[in-house]
């Protein structure tokens, strides 16, 4: 697999479109036969190491929002 590291044309030189402190790894479980739960898995915030299991898109989004809100409130996040 190769990686395309070219900058999209709409970004100015030096712009950082995706700050690393907002990076997450999302691991999705492979659905079983007849299983409709596509968003079941684990999420980890790269910068803090905080991780959570989720069973729905709502839970995944809730975890991401919670981590980012806590980061924004911390002295290091400001």
Protein backbone atom coordinates (compact mmCIF):
# COMPACT_ATOMS: atom_id res chain seq x y z
CA UNK A 1 0.00 0.00 0.00
CA UNK A 2 1.29 3.46 -0.81
CA UNK A 3 0.51 6.76 0.82
CA UNK A 4 -0.30 9.95 -1.06
CA UNK A 5 1.38 12.73 0.89
CA UNK A 6 0.63 15.50 -1.60
CA UNK A 7 -1.19 18.48 -0.15
CA UNK A 8 -4.73 19.07 -1.48
CA UNK A 9 -4.72 22.11 -3.79
CA UNK A 10 -7.07 24.16 -1.57
CA UNK A 11 -4.66 24.20 1.41
CA UNK A 12 -2.18 27.03 1.77
CA UNK A 13 1.50 26.18 2.16
CA UNK A 14 2.26 25.45 5.81
CA UNK A 15 -1.38 24.82 6.73
CA UNK A 16 -2.01 21.84 9.03
CA UNK A 17 -5.40 20.43 8.09
CA UNK A 18 -5.43 17.63 10.66
CA UNK A 19 -3.76 18.45 13.99
CA UNK A 20 -2.17 15.33 15.51
CA UNK A 21 -3.63 16.10 18.96
CA UNK A 22 -7.07 15.45 17.44
CA UNK A 23 -6.11 12.07 15.94
CA UNK A 24 -7.97 8.87 16.79
CA UNK A 25 -7.61 5.25 15.76
CA UNK A 26 -10.95 3.57 15.11
CA UNK A 27 -11.02 -0.21 14.99
CA UNK A 28 -14.25 -1.79 13.75
CA UNK A 29 -15.26 -5.35 14.49
CA UNK A 30 -16.07 -7.46 11.45
CA UNK A 31 -19.85 -8.01 11.43
CA UNK A 32 -21.14 -11.54 11.88
CA UNK A 33 -23.56 -13.10 9.43
CA UNK A 34 -26.89 -11.36 9.86
CA UNK A 35 -25.37 -8.79 12.23
CA UNK A 36 -26.52 -5.26 11.42
CA UNK A 37 -24.22 -3.57 13.95
CA UNK A 38 -21.58 -2.09 11.66
CA UNK A 39 -20.18 0.37 14.20
CA UNK A 40 -19.00 -1.87 17.00
CA UNK A 41 -15.39 -1.67 18.05
CA UNK A 42 -12.79 0.36 19.86
CA UNK A 43 -11.52 3.93 19.60
CA UNK A 44 -8.25 5.33 20.93
CA UNK A 45 -7.14 8.95 21.20
CA UNK A 46 -3.54 8.96 19.98
CA UNK A 47 -2.24 11.89 22.05
CA UNK A 48 -3.63 10.78 25.42
CA UNK A 49 -3.95 7.03 25.00
CA UNK A 50 -7.55 7.16 26.24
CA UNK A 51 -9.56 4.31 24.75
CA UNK A 52 -13.13 3.09 24.81
CA UNK A 53 -15.21 0.35 23.29
CA UNK A 54 -18.38 1.41 21.49
CA UNK A 55 -21.48 -0.37 20.25
CA UNK A 56 -22.95 2.31 18.01
CA UNK A 57 -22.11 5.41 16.02
CA UNK A 58 -23.67 7.47 18.81
CA UNK A 59 -21.31 5.97 21.40
CA UNK A 60 -18.29 6.49 19.12
CA UNK A 61 -19.17 10.15 18.52
CA UNK A 62 -19.83 10.61 22.24
CA UNK A 63 -16.36 9.31 23.10
CA UNK A 64 -14.67 11.56 20.55
CA UNK A 65 -16.62 14.60 21.76
CA UNK A 66 -15.82 13.82 25.40
CA UNK A 67 -12.09 13.48 24.75
CA UNK A 68 -11.89 16.64 22.65
CA UNK A 69 -13.93 18.65 25.16
CA UNK A 70 -11.65 17.53 28.02
CA UNK A 71 -8.60 18.38 25.93
CA UNK A 72 -9.96 21.87 25.17
CA UNK A 73 -10.55 22.50 28.90
CA UNK A 74 -7.11 21.35 30.04
CA UNK A 75 -4.34 23.95 30.38
CA UNK A 76 -2.24 22.08 27.79
CA UNK A 77 -5.16 22.09 25.34
CA UNK A 78 -5.50 25.86 25.35
